[in-house]
Amino acid sequence: MMANAIQASGFTASQIATIKATVAADTNHTEFDLFMEACRAYGLDPFRKQIFALVYSKNDPAKRKMSIIVSRDGYRILAQRCGDYRPASEPAQIAYDEAAKSETNPKGIVSATVRLWKQDNKGEWYPVIGEAYWDEFAPLKDEWAENDRGQRRPTGKKTLDTTGNWARMPIVMITKCAESQALRAGWPDQFGSIHSEEEMEHIAVSESASEALERHHREERQARVGGPGLMLVFDDTMKMEKVSFGAAADRILEHIQNAEPIEAHTFRIRNEHSLRDLWAHDAAAALEVKKAIEAKEAKLAGGQAA
């Protein structure tokens, strides 16, 4: 019942009833308690639509699934609380391709890239990159039409809702997805288990909710540990270099071999999350890298690496 939600949230009974009737209208009792606990745990306000609940396949108990959605404002509030976050200092980079222009991509957008900033334990700021590709996030759905027998069947074409935000504000929408990707990459503990509304809109209506949601989580896992490569910072210019997973260990070991002890230590700090991704992708290679860095750090005078 709602008693658990009231006790956990700090809202009044009247406020709880309003939340249940609006931003969590489709949730059952258990889901609603979970949603209210998420509001409390994240410290986000459902009345300001910083957080809300979406229920997929609500009429099918076997496939029913609730997902906690955080708005862009909610994401930024959580990021500010991290203490080591700085927002983008320049507009998102949008890549276009004239050949990609179509009814499902009116501006011919290929991708958006957002650069946020994270502070390491030495007080230095380094960039965290988020990329979102139109083909992966635009909410396309199958076109249906009647055949010569009067039966509704897929035509094989995809369509984009011309009344939705993805058609009206495509740059804004793909940029929001890229920002969410950057936040999840740089601050996985805070953002690893929540999603933005824009990210979830790409779920195809032809898929069941549980299948689509599982595909979304699978794509996220692959992006974190098995994507095309690692983004690494090798010098004080803070320029990020993309290195394929297959070449990453050799590239890092070569850099560490030629680096001074303090440079090796700085490299480890700046590339903390990328090195974790390498470990998840190839533990043996990551262990070799770890040993090489630690050997250099051991030479630091006065225990600077401690």
C-alpha atoms as a PDB file:
ATOM      1  CA  MET A   1       0.000   0.000   0.000  1.00  0.00           C
ATOM      2  CA  MET A   2       1.010   3.647   0.012  1.00  0.00           C
ATOM      3  CA  ALA A   3       1.987   3.617   3.685  1.00  0.00           C
ATOM      4  CA  ASN A   4       5.472   2.364   2.864  1.00  0.00           C
ATOM      5  CA  ALA A   5       5.911   5.058   0.240  1.00  0.00           C
ATOM      6  CA  ILE A   6       4.793   7.764   2.671  1.00  0.00           C
ATOM      7  CA  GLN A   7       7.210   6.604   5.362  1.00  0.00           C
ATOM      8  CA  ALA A   8      10.135   6.429   2.929  1.00  0.00           C
ATOM      9  CA  SER A   9       9.582   9.668   1.038  1.00  0.00           C
ATOM     10  CA  GLY A  10       8.754  12.359   3.566  1.00  0.00           C
ATOM     11  CA  PHE A  11       5.828  13.545   1.432  1.00  0.00           C
ATOM     12  CA  THR A  12       2.365  14.004   2.907  1.00  0.00           C
ATOM     13  CA  ALA A  13      -0.442  11.575   2.094  1.00  0.00           C
ATOM     14  CA  SER A  14      -2.025  14.179  -0.182  1.00  0.00           C
ATOM     15  CA  GLN A  15       1.237  14.708  -2.061  1.00  0.00           C
ATOM     16  CA  ILE A  16       1.751  10.956  -2.395  1.00  0.00           C
ATOM     17  CA  ALA A  17      -1.730  10.622  -3.902  1.00  0.00           C
ATOM     18  CA  THR A  18      -0.941  13.368  -6.419  1.00  0.00           C
ATOM     19  CA  ILE A  19       2.316  11.685  -7.452  1.00  0.00           C
ATOM     20  CA  LYS A  20       0.527   8.350  -7.883  1.00  0.00           C
ATOM     21  CA  ALA A  21      -2.102   9.999 -10.089  1.00  0.00           C
ATOM     22  CA  THR A  22       0.405  11.824 -12.307  1.00  0.00           C
ATOM     23  CA  VAL A  23       4.072  10.909 -12.811  1.00  0.00           C
ATOM     24  CA  ALA A  24       3.606   7.323 -11.556  1.00  0.00           C
ATOM     25  CA  ALA A  25       0.061   6.666 -12.697  1.00  0.00           C
ATOM     26  CA  ASP A  26       0.708   3.247 -14.243  1.00  0.00           C
ATOM     27  CA  THR A  27       2.630   1.730 -11.323  1.00  0.00           C
ATOM     28  CA  ASN A  28       1.200  -0.970  -9.064  1.00  0.00           C
ATOM     29  CA  HIS A  29       1.698  -0.911  -5.280  1.00  0.00           C
ATOM     30  CA  THR A  30       5.125  -2.561  -5.308  1.00  0.00           C
ATOM     31  CA  GLU A  31       6.386  -0.501  -8.229  1.00  0.00           C
ATOM     32  CA  PHE A  32       5.107   2.681  -6.621  1.00  0.00           C
ATOM     33  CA  ASP A  33       6.959   1.957  -3.373  1.00  0.00           C
ATOM     34  CA  LEU A  34      10.127   1.313  -5.396  1.00  0.00           C
ATOM     35  CA  PHE A  35       9.649   4.552  -7.313  1.00  0.00           C
ATOM     36  CA  MET A  36       9.167   6.601  -4.151  1.00  0.00           C
ATOM     37  CA  GLU A  37      12.269   4.999  -2.629  1.00  0.00           C
ATOM     38  CA  ALA A  38      14.184   6.035  -5.758  1.00  0.00           C
ATOM     39  CA  CYS A  39      12.929   9.617  -5.338  1.00  0.00           C
ATOM     40  CA  ARG A  40      14.216   9.599  -1.758  1.00  0.00           C
ATOM     41  CA  ALA A  41      17.523   7.908  -2.561  1.00  0.00           C
ATOM     42  CA  TYR A  42      18.342  10.261  -5.455  1.00  0.00           C
ATOM     43  CA  GLY A  43      16.891  13.321  -3.710  1.00  0.00           C
ATOM     44  CA  LEU A  44      14.882  14.284  -6.801  1.00  0.00           C
ATOM     45  CA  ASP A  45      11.477  15.971  -6.896  1.00  0.00           C
ATOM     46  CA  PRO A  46       8.729  14.227  -8.914  1.00  0.00           C
ATOM     47  CA  PHE A  47       6.586  17.387  -8.728  1.00  0.00           C
ATOM     48  CA  ARG A  48       9.206  19.178 -10.802  1.00  0.00           C
ATOM     49  CA  LYS A  49       9.383  16.189 -13.135  1.00  0.00           C
ATOM     50  CA  GLN A  50      13.010  15.601 -12.214  1.00  0.00           C
ATOM     51  CA  ILE A  51      12.140  11.910 -11.928  1.00  0.00           C
ATOM     52  CA  PHE A  52       9.206   9.773 -13.071  1.00  0.00           C
ATOM     53  CA  ALA A  53       8.203   6.178 -13.734  1.00  0.00           C
ATOM     54  CA  LEU A  54       7.420   4.474 -17.030  1.00  0.00           C
ATOM     55  CA  VAL A  55       5.709   1.082 -17.086  1.00  0.00           C
ATOM     56  CA  TYR A  56       6.040  -1.038 -20.211  1.00  0.00           C
ATOM     57  CA  SER A  57       3.627  -3.847 -21.161  1.00  0.00           C
ATOM     58  CA  LYS A  58       1.414  -2.840 -18.264  1.00  0.00           C
ATOM     59  CA  ASN A  59      -1.357  -5.189 -19.421  1.00  0.00           C
ATOM     60  CA  ASP A  60       0.923  -8.225 -19.718  1.00  0.00           C
ATOM     61  CA  PRO A  61       2.096  -9.519 -16.299  1.00  0.00           C
ATOM     62  CA  ALA A  62       4.766 -11.721 -17.889  1.00  0.00           C
ATOM     63  CA  LYS A  63       6.433  -8.811 -19.710  1.00  0.00           C
ATOM     64  CA  ARG A  64       5.573  -5.937 -17.380  1.00  0.00           C
ATOM     65  CA  LYS A  65       8.574  -3.734 -16.552  1.00  0.00           C
ATOM     66  CA  MET A  66       8.985  -0.413 -14.754  1.00  0.00           C
ATOM     67  CA  SER A  67      11.873   1.896 -15.551  1.00  0.00           C
ATOM     68  CA  ILE A  68      12.962   4.907 -13.488  1.00  0.00           C
ATOM     69  CA  ILE A  69      13.444   7.913 -15.784  1.00  0.00           C
ATOM     70  CA  VAL A  70      15.379  11.040 -14.796  1.00  0.00           C
ATOM     71  CA  SER A  71      14.902  14.288 -16.715  1.00  0.00           C
ATOM     72  CA  ARG A  72      17.751  16.430 -17.984  1.00  0.00           C
ATOM     73  CA  ASP A  73      17.308  18.796 -15.026  1.00  0.00           C
ATOM     74  CA  GLY A  74      17.433  15.803 -12.674  1.00  0.00           C
ATOM     75  CA  TYR A  75      20.624  14.545 -14.303  1.00  0.00           C
ATOM     76  CA  ARG A  76      22.301  17.917 -13.883  1.00  0.00           C
ATOM     77  CA  ILE A  77      21.235  18.197 -10.252  1.00  0.00           C
ATOM     78  CA  LEU A  78      22.772  14.800  -9.516  1.00  0.00           C
ATOM     79  CA  ALA A  79      25.929  15.790 -11.363  1.00  0.00           C
ATOM     80  CA  GLN A  80      26.324  19.030  -9.397  1.00  0.00           C
ATOM     81  CA  ARG A  81      26.092  17.079  -6.151  1.00  0.00           C
ATOM     82  CA  CYS A  82      29.050  14.897  -7.148  1.00  0.00           C
ATOM     83  CA  GLY A  83      31.441  17.716  -6.334  1.00  0.00           C
ATOM     84  CA  ASP A  84      33.856  16.767  -9.132  1.00  0.00           C
ATOM     85  CA  TYR A  85      31.657  17.749 -12.085  1.00  0.00           C
ATOM     86  CA  ARG A  86      31.866  20.749 -14.383  1.00  0.00           C
ATOM     87  CA  PRO A  87      29.393  21.239 -17.243  1.00  0.00           C
ATOM     88  CA  ALA A  88      30.354  21.551 -20.880  1.00  0.00           C
ATOM     89  CA  SER A  89      32.256  24.749 -21.661  1.00  0.00           C
ATOM     90  CA  GLU A  90      31.377  24.672 -25.354  1.00  0.00           C
ATOM     91  CA  PRO A  91      28.389  23.621 -27.488  1.00  0.00           C
ATOM     92  CA  ALA A  92      27.947  20.014 -28.503  1.00  0.00           C
ATOM     93  CA  GLN A  93      29.671  18.973 -31.705  1.00  0.00           C
ATOM     94  CA  ILE A  94      27.087  17.822 -34.239  1.00  0.00           C
ATOM     95  CA  ALA A  95      28.215  15.735 -37.213  1.00  0.00           C
ATOM     96  CA  TYR A  96      26.065  15.938 -40.355  1.00  0.00           C
ATOM     97  CA  ASP A  97      25.857  13.984 -43.583  1.00  0.00           C
ATOM     98  CA  GLU A  98      23.812  15.341 -46.480  1.00  0.00           C
ATOM     99  CA  ALA A  99      23.344  11.802 -47.746  1.00  0.00           C
ATOM    100  CA  ALA A 100      21.652  10.877 -44.450  1.00  0.00           C
ATOM    101  CA  LYS A 101      18.838  13.407 -44.849  1.00  0.00           C
ATOM    102  CA  SER A 102      15.487  11.647 -45.037  1.00  0.00           C
ATOM    103  CA  GLU A 103      12.010  11.568 -43.537  1.00  0.00           C
ATOM    104  CA  THR A 104      13.467   9.766 -40.531  1.00  0.00           C
ATOM    105  CA  ASN A 105      16.429  12.172 -40.204  1.00  0.00           C
ATOM    106  CA  PRO A 106      15.345  15.632 -41.422  1.00  0.00           C
ATOM    107  CA  LYS A 107      18.680  17.374 -40.751  1.00  0.00           C
ATOM    108  CA  GLY A 108      20.976  14.526 -41.745  1.00  0.00           C
ATOM    109  CA  ILE A 109      22.445  14.236 -38.245  1.00  0.00           C
ATOM    110  CA  VAL A 110      25.039  11.509 -37.782  1.00  0.00           C
ATOM    111  CA  SER A 111      26.018  12.036 -34.146  1.00  0.00           C
ATOM    112  CA  ALA A 112      26.429  14.437 -31.258  1.00  0.00           C
ATOM    113  CA  THR A 113      29.513  14.681 -29.054  1.00  0.00           C
ATOM    114  CA  VAL A 114      29.465  16.348 -25.625  1.00  0.00           C
ATOM    115  CA  ARG A 115      32.539  17.142 -23.520  1.00  0.00           C
ATOM    116  CA  LEU A 116      31.977  17.390 -19.753  1.00  0.00           C
ATOM    117  CA  TRP A 117      34.700  17.834 -17.130  1.00  0.00           C
ATOM    118  CA  LYS A 118      35.665  15.708 -14.137  1.00  0.00           C
ATOM    119  CA  GLN A 119      38.126  16.604 -11.383  1.00  0.00           C
ATOM    120  CA  ASP A 120      40.700  14.064 -10.230  1.00  0.00           C
ATOM    121  CA  ASN A 121      42.026  13.722  -6.680  1.00  0.00           C
ATOM    122  CA  LYS A 122      44.891  16.110  -7.492  1.00  0.00           C
ATOM    123  CA  GLY A 123      42.442  18.883  -8.358  1.00  0.00           C
ATOM    124  CA  GLU A 124      43.070  18.681 -12.094  1.00  0.00           C
ATOM    125  CA  TRP A 125      40.199  18.685 -14.590  1.00  0.00           C
ATOM    126  CA  TYR A 126      40.027  16.249 -17.477  1.00  0.00           C
ATOM    127  CA  PRO A 127      37.368  15.818 -20.186  1.00  0.00           C
ATOM    128  CA  VAL A 128      34.726  13.112 -20.217  1.00  0.00           C
ATOM    129  CA  ILE A 129      33.314  12.483 -23.676  1.00  0.00           C
ATOM    130  CA  GLY A 130      29.786  11.341 -24.491  1.00  0.00           C
ATOM    131  CA  GLU A 131      28.733  10.334 -28.002  1.00  0.00           C
ATOM    132  CA  ALA A 132      25.249   9.580 -29.295  1.00  0.00           C
ATOM    133  CA  TYR A 133      24.495   8.387 -32.820  1.00  0.00           C
ATOM    134  CA  TRP A 134      21.220   9.204 -34.519  1.00  0.00           C
ATOM    135  CA  ASP A 135      20.727   5.642 -35.750  1.00  0.00           C
ATOM    136  CA  GLU A 136      20.999   4.335 -32.176  1.00  0.00           C
ATOM    137  CA  PHE A 137      18.723   6.803 -30.378  1.00  0.00           C
ATOM    138  CA  ALA A 138      16.145   8.282 -32.773  1.00  0.00           C
ATOM    139  CA  PRO A 139      12.741   6.701 -31.966  1.00  0.00           C
ATOM    140  CA  LEU A 140      11.903   5.080 -35.277  1.00  0.00           C
ATOM    141  CA  LYS A 141       9.025   2.672 -35.674  1.00  0.00           C
ATOM    142  CA  ASP A 142       7.758   0.334 -38.353  1.00  0.00           C
ATOM    143  CA  GLU A 143       5.327   1.759 -40.889  1.00  0.00           C
ATOM    144  CA  TRP A 144       2.123  -0.288 -41.205  1.00  0.00           C
ATOM    145  CA  ALA A 145      -0.380  -0.275 -44.064  1.00  0.00           C
ATOM    146  CA  GLU A 146      -3.191  -2.411 -45.448  1.00  0.00           C
ATOM    147  CA  ASN A 147      -2.351  -4.875 -48.196  1.00  0.00           C
ATOM    148  CA  ASP A 148      -4.637  -5.762 -51.108  1.00  0.00           C
ATOM    149  CA  ARG A 149      -6.553  -8.119 -48.797  1.00  0.00           C
ATOM    150  CA  GLY A 150      -7.286  -5.390 -46.294  1.00  0.00           C
ATOM    151  CA  GLN A 151      -4.790  -6.799 -43.769  1.00  0.00           C
ATOM    152  CA  ARG A 152      -2.477  -4.453 -41.843  1.00  0.00           C
ATOM    153  CA  ARG A 153       1.147  -5.452 -42.329  1.00  0.00           C
ATOM    154  CA  PRO A 154       4.565  -3.778 -41.914  1.00  0.00           C
ATOM    155  CA  THR A 155       5.701  -2.138 -45.154  1.00  0.00           C
ATOM    156  CA  GLY A 156       9.403  -2.537 -44.366  1.00  0.00           C
ATOM    157  CA  LYS A 157       9.869   1.218 -43.947  1.00  0.00           C
ATOM    158  CA  LYS A 158      10.641   3.127 -40.752  1.00  0.00           C
ATOM    159  CA  THR A 159       8.924   6.356 -39.713  1.00  0.00           C
ATOM    160  CA  LEU A 160       9.694   9.207 -37.314  1.00  0.00           C
ATOM    161  CA  ASP A 161       6.838  10.863 -35.435  1.00  0.00           C
ATOM    162  CA  THR A 162       6.550  14.281 -37.107  1.00  0.00           C
ATOM    163  CA  THR A 163       4.687  15.733 -34.117  1.00  0.00           C
ATOM    164  CA  GLY A 164       7.294  14.733 -31.504  1.00  0.00           C
ATOM    165  CA  ASN A 165      10.390  16.499 -30.196  1.00  0.00           C
ATOM    166  CA  TRP A 166      12.766  14.371 -32.294  1.00  0.00           C
ATOM    167  CA  ALA A 167      11.278  15.900 -35.449  1.00  0.00           C
ATOM    168  CA  ARG A 168      10.877  19.426 -34.023  1.00  0.00           C
ATOM    169  CA  MET A 169      14.153  19.666 -32.060  1.00  0.00           C
ATOM    170  CA  PRO A 170      16.475  16.920 -33.335  1.00  0.00           C
ATOM    171  CA  ILE A 171      19.705  18.640 -32.249  1.00  0.00           C
ATOM    172  CA  VAL A 172      18.435  19.186 -28.713  1.00  0.00           C
ATOM    173  CA  MET A 173      17.293  15.580 -28.395  1.00  0.00           C
ATOM    174  CA  ILE A 174      20.466  13.921 -29.685  1.00  0.00           C
ATOM    175  CA  THR A 175      22.563  16.306 -27.549  1.00  0.00           C
ATOM    176  CA  LYS A 176      20.630  15.262 -24.431  1.00  0.00           C
ATOM    177  CA  CYS A 177      21.438  11.632 -25.214  1.00  0.00           C
ATOM    178  CA  ALA A 178      25.131  12.434 -25.651  1.00  0.00           C
ATOM    179  CA  GLU A 179      25.169  14.315 -22.334  1.00  0.00           C
ATOM    180  CA  SER A 180      23.563  11.334 -20.598  1.00  0.00           C
ATOM    181  CA  GLN A 181      26.207   9.041 -22.094  1.00  0.00           C
ATOM    182  CA  ALA A 182      28.988  11.305 -20.804  1.00  0.00           C
ATOM    183  CA  LEU A 183      27.513  11.419 -17.305  1.00  0.00           C
ATOM    184  CA  ARG A 184      27.200   7.640 -17.235  1.00  0.00           C
ATOM    185  CA  ALA A 185      30.788   7.218 -18.426  1.00  0.00           C
ATOM    186  CA  GLY A 186      32.313   9.692 -15.986  1.00  0.00           C
ATOM    187  CA  TRP A 187      30.140   9.026 -12.943  1.00  0.00           C
ATOM    188  CA  PRO A 188      28.970   5.386 -13.225  1.00  0.00           C
ATOM    189  CA  ASP A 189      28.085   5.052  -9.543  1.00  0.00           C
ATOM    190  CA  GLN A 190      25.597   7.911  -9.767  1.00  0.00           C
ATOM    191  CA  PHE A 191      24.190   7.341 -13.263  1.00  0.00           C
ATOM    192  CA  GLY A 192      24.783   3.674 -14.084  1.00  0.00           C
ATOM    193  CA  SER A 193      21.255   2.484 -13.248  1.00  0.00           C
ATOM    194  CA  ILE A 194      19.075   5.365 -14.423  1.00  0.00           C
ATOM    195  CA  HIS A 195      18.045   6.579 -17.853  1.00  0.00           C
ATOM    196  CA  SER A 196      17.006   9.804 -19.503  1.00  0.00           C
ATOM    197  CA  GLU A 197      13.680  10.037 -21.293  1.00  0.00           C
ATOM    198  CA  GLU A 198      15.413  10.816 -24.588  1.00  0.00           C
ATOM    199  CA  GLU A 199      17.515   7.632 -24.374  1.00  0.00           C
ATOM    200  CA  MET A 200      14.436   5.460 -23.836  1.00  0.00           C
ATOM    201  CA  GLU A 201      12.386   6.912 -26.700  1.00  0.00           C
ATOM    202  CA  HIS A 202      14.299   4.847 -29.230  1.00  0.00           C
ATOM    203  CA  ILE A 203      12.554   1.662 -28.056  1.00  0.00           C
ATOM    204  CA  ALA A 204      10.800   0.317 -31.119  1.00  0.00           C
ATOM    205  CA  VAL A 205       7.069  -0.260 -30.809  1.00  0.00           C
ATOM    206  CA  SER A 206       7.438  -3.574 -32.629  1.00  0.00           C
ATOM    207  CA  GLU A 207       9.456  -4.990 -29.736  1.00  0.00           C
ATOM    208  CA  SER A 208       8.010  -6.162 -26.482  1.00  0.00           C
ATOM    209  CA  ALA A 209       8.888  -3.865 -23.598  1.00  0.00           C
ATOM    210  CA  SER A 210      11.032  -6.430 -21.798  1.00  0.00           C
ATOM    211  CA  GLU A 211      12.920  -7.322 -24.979  1.00  0.00           C
ATOM    212  CA  ALA A 212      13.521  -3.665 -25.821  1.00  0.00           C
ATOM    213  CA  LEU A 213      14.603  -2.782 -22.317  1.00  0.00           C
ATOM    214  CA  GLU A 214      16.995  -5.729 -22.174  1.00  0.00           C
ATOM    215  CA  ARG A 215      18.438  -4.690 -25.543  1.00  0.00           C
ATOM    216  CA  HIS A 216      18.960  -1.178 -24.195  1.00  0.00           C
ATOM    217  CA  HIS A 217      20.803  -2.459 -21.121  1.00  0.00           C
ATOM    218  CA  ARG A 218      22.848  -4.836 -23.282  1.00  0.00           C
ATOM    219  CA  GLU A 219      23.898  -2.003 -25.587  1.00  0.00           C
ATOM    220  CA  GLU A 220      24.945   0.035 -22.559  1.00  0.00           C
ATOM    221  CA  ARG A 221      27.053  -2.806 -21.201  1.00  0.00           C
ATOM    222  CA  GLN A 222      28.698  -3.289 -24.575  1.00  0.00           C
ATOM    223  CA  ALA A 223      29.397   0.432 -24.843  1.00  0.00           C
ATOM    224  CA  ARG A 224      31.046   0.433 -21.409  1.00  0.00           C
ATOM    225  CA  VAL A 225      33.169  -2.709 -21.713  1.00  0.00           C
ATOM    226  CA  GLY A 226      33.207  -3.917 -25.302  1.00  0.00           C
ATOM    227  CA  GLY A 227      32.796  -0.911 -27.579  1.00  0.00           C
ATOM    228  CA  PRO A 228      35.087   0.227 -30.368  1.00  0.00           C
ATOM    229  CA  GLY A 229      37.846   1.373 -28.033  1.00  0.00           C
ATOM    230  CA  LEU A 230      39.061   3.448 -25.103  1.00  0.00           C
ATOM    231  CA  MET A 231      39.293   7.221 -24.793  1.00  0.00           C
ATOM    232  CA  LEU A 232      42.717   7.941 -23.252  1.00  0.00           C
ATOM    233  CA  VAL A 233      44.636  11.077 -22.232  1.00  0.00           C
ATOM    234  CA  PHE A 234      48.388  10.702 -22.723  1.00  0.00           C
ATOM    235  CA  ASP A 235      49.769  14.190 -22.046  1.00  0.00           C
ATOM    236  CA  ASP A 236      49.138  17.563 -20.448  1.00  0.00           C
ATOM    237  CA  THR A 237      47.319  18.907 -23.510  1.00  0.00           C
ATOM    238  CA  MET A 238      44.357  16.845 -22.211  1.00  0.00           C
ATOM    239  CA  LYS A 239      43.583  15.784 -25.766  1.00  0.00           C
ATOM    240  CA  MET A 240      41.707  12.491 -25.769  1.00  0.00           C
ATOM    241  CA  GLU A 241      42.832   9.743 -28.126  1.00  0.00           C
ATOM    242  CA  LYS A 242      40.617   6.849 -29.115  1.00  0.00           C
ATOM    243  CA  VAL A 243      42.536   3.543 -29.082  1.00  0.00           C
ATOM    244  CA  SER A 244      41.000   0.224 -30.080  1.00  0.00           C
ATOM    245  CA  PHE A 245      40.741  -2.416 -27.368  1.00  0.00           C
ATOM    246  CA  GLY A 246      43.088  -4.675 -29.304  1.00  0.00           C
ATOM    247  CA  ALA A 247      45.836  -2.044 -29.376  1.00  0.00           C
ATOM    248  CA  ALA A 248      45.151  -0.361 -26.021  1.00  0.00           C
ATOM    249  CA  ALA A 249      47.472  -2.414 -23.788  1.00  0.00           C
ATOM    250  CA  ASP A 250      50.457  -2.111 -26.140  1.00  0.00           C
ATOM    251  CA  ARG A 251      49.861   1.625 -26.577  1.00  0.00           C
ATOM    252  CA  ILE A 252      49.633   2.195 -22.813  1.00  0.00           C
ATOM    253  CA  LEU A 253      52.668   0.028 -22.006  1.00  0.00           C
ATOM    254  CA  GLU A 254      54.755   1.907 -24.567  1.00  0.00           C
ATOM    255  CA  HIS A 255      53.705   5.202 -23.009  1.00  0.00           C
ATOM    256  CA  ILE A 256      54.415   4.049 -19.449  1.00  0.00           C
ATOM    257  CA  GLN A 257      57.820   2.628 -20.397  1.00  0.00           C
ATOM    258  CA  ASN A 258      58.911   6.051 -21.677  1.00  0.00           C
ATOM    259  CA  ALA A 259      57.209   8.057 -18.912  1.00  0.00           C
ATOM    260  CA  GLU A 260      58.667   9.495 -15.733  1.00  0.00           C
ATOM    261  CA  PRO A 261      57.204   8.058 -12.500  1.00  0.00           C
ATOM    262  CA  ILE A 262      55.035  11.133 -11.870  1.00  0.00           C
ATOM    263  CA  GLU A 263      53.801  11.000 -15.469  1.00  0.00           C
ATOM    264  CA  ALA A 264      52.782   7.354 -15.027  1.00  0.00           C
ATOM    265  CA  HIS A 265      50.944   8.245 -11.816  1.00  0.00           C
ATOM    266  CA  THR A 266      49.151  11.152 -13.530  1.00  0.00           C
ATOM    267  CA  PHE A 267      48.200   8.899 -16.444  1.00  0.00           C
ATOM    268  CA  ARG A 268      46.549   6.421 -14.063  1.00  0.00           C
ATOM    269  CA  ILE A 269      44.548   9.158 -12.323  1.00  0.00           C
ATOM    270  CA  ARG A 270      43.373  10.787 -15.541  1.00  0.00           C
ATOM    271  CA  ASN A 271      42.384   7.511 -17.164  1.00  0.00           C
ATOM    272  CA  GLU A 272      40.855   5.764 -14.146  1.00  0.00           C
ATOM    273  CA  HIS A 273      37.548   4.893 -15.800  1.00  0.00           C
ATOM    274  CA  SER A 274      39.082   3.859 -19.128  1.00  0.00           C
ATOM    275  CA  LEU A 275      41.486   1.536 -17.313  1.00  0.00           C
ATOM    276  CA  ARG A 276      38.487  -0.047 -15.580  1.00  0.00           C
ATOM    277  CA  ASP A 277      36.915  -0.608 -18.987  1.00  0.00           C
ATOM    278  CA  LEU A 278      40.126  -2.263 -20.185  1.00  0.00           C
ATOM    279  CA  TRP A 279      40.010  -4.567 -17.150  1.00  0.00           C
ATOM    280  CA  ALA A 280      36.422  -5.547 -17.958  1.00  0.00           C
ATOM    281  CA  HIS A 281      37.340  -6.216 -21.585  1.00  0.00           C
ATOM    282  CA  ASP A 282      40.711  -7.982 -21.094  1.00  0.00           C
ATOM    283  CA  ALA A 283      41.737  -8.672 -17.501  1.00  0.00           C
ATOM    284  CA  ALA A 284      45.105 -10.172 -18.456  1.00  0.00           C
ATOM    285  CA  ALA A 285      46.142  -7.138 -20.494  1.00  0.00           C
ATOM    286  CA  ALA A 286      44.854  -4.790 -17.811  1.00  0.00           C
ATOM    287  CA  LEU A 287      46.876  -6.616 -15.157  1.00  0.00           C
ATOM    288  CA  GLU A 288      50.030  -6.185 -17.205  1.00  0.00           C
ATOM    289  CA  VAL A 289      49.290  -2.465 -17.534  1.00  0.00           C
ATOM    290  CA  LYS A 290      48.583  -2.215 -13.807  1.00  0.00           C
ATOM    291  CA  LYS A 291      51.909  -3.811 -12.901  1.00  0.00           C
ATOM    292  CA  ALA A 292      53.803  -1.492 -15.241  1.00  0.00           C
ATOM    293  CA  ILE A 293      52.179   1.617 -13.758  1.00  0.00           C
ATOM    294  CA  GLU A 294      52.718   0.436 -10.181  1.00  0.00           C
ATOM    295  CA  ALA A 295      56.389  -0.286 -10.919  1.00  0.00           C
ATOM    296  CA  LYS A 296      56.859   3.298 -12.071  1.00  0.00           C
ATOM    297  CA  GLU A 297      54.829   4.713  -9.179  1.00  0.00           C
ATOM    298  CA  ALA A 298      57.023   2.788  -6.719  1.00  0.00           C
ATOM    299  CA  LYS A 299      59.915   4.996  -7.784  1.00  0.00           C
ATOM    300  CA  LEU A 300      58.146   8.166  -6.672  1.00  0.00           C
ATOM    301  CA  ALA A 301      60.025   9.773  -3.799  1.00  0.00           C
ATOM    302  CA  GLY A 302      58.215  10.261  -0.503  1.00  0.00           C
ATOM    303  CA  GLY A 303      55.251   8.033  -1.392  1.00  0.00           C
ATOM    304  CA  GLN A 304      53.544  10.583  -3.641  1.00  0.00           C
ATOM    305  CA  ALA A 305      51.401   7.844  -5.184  1.00  0.00           C
ATOM    306  CA  ALA A 306      49.987   6.694  -1.875  1.00  0.00           C
END
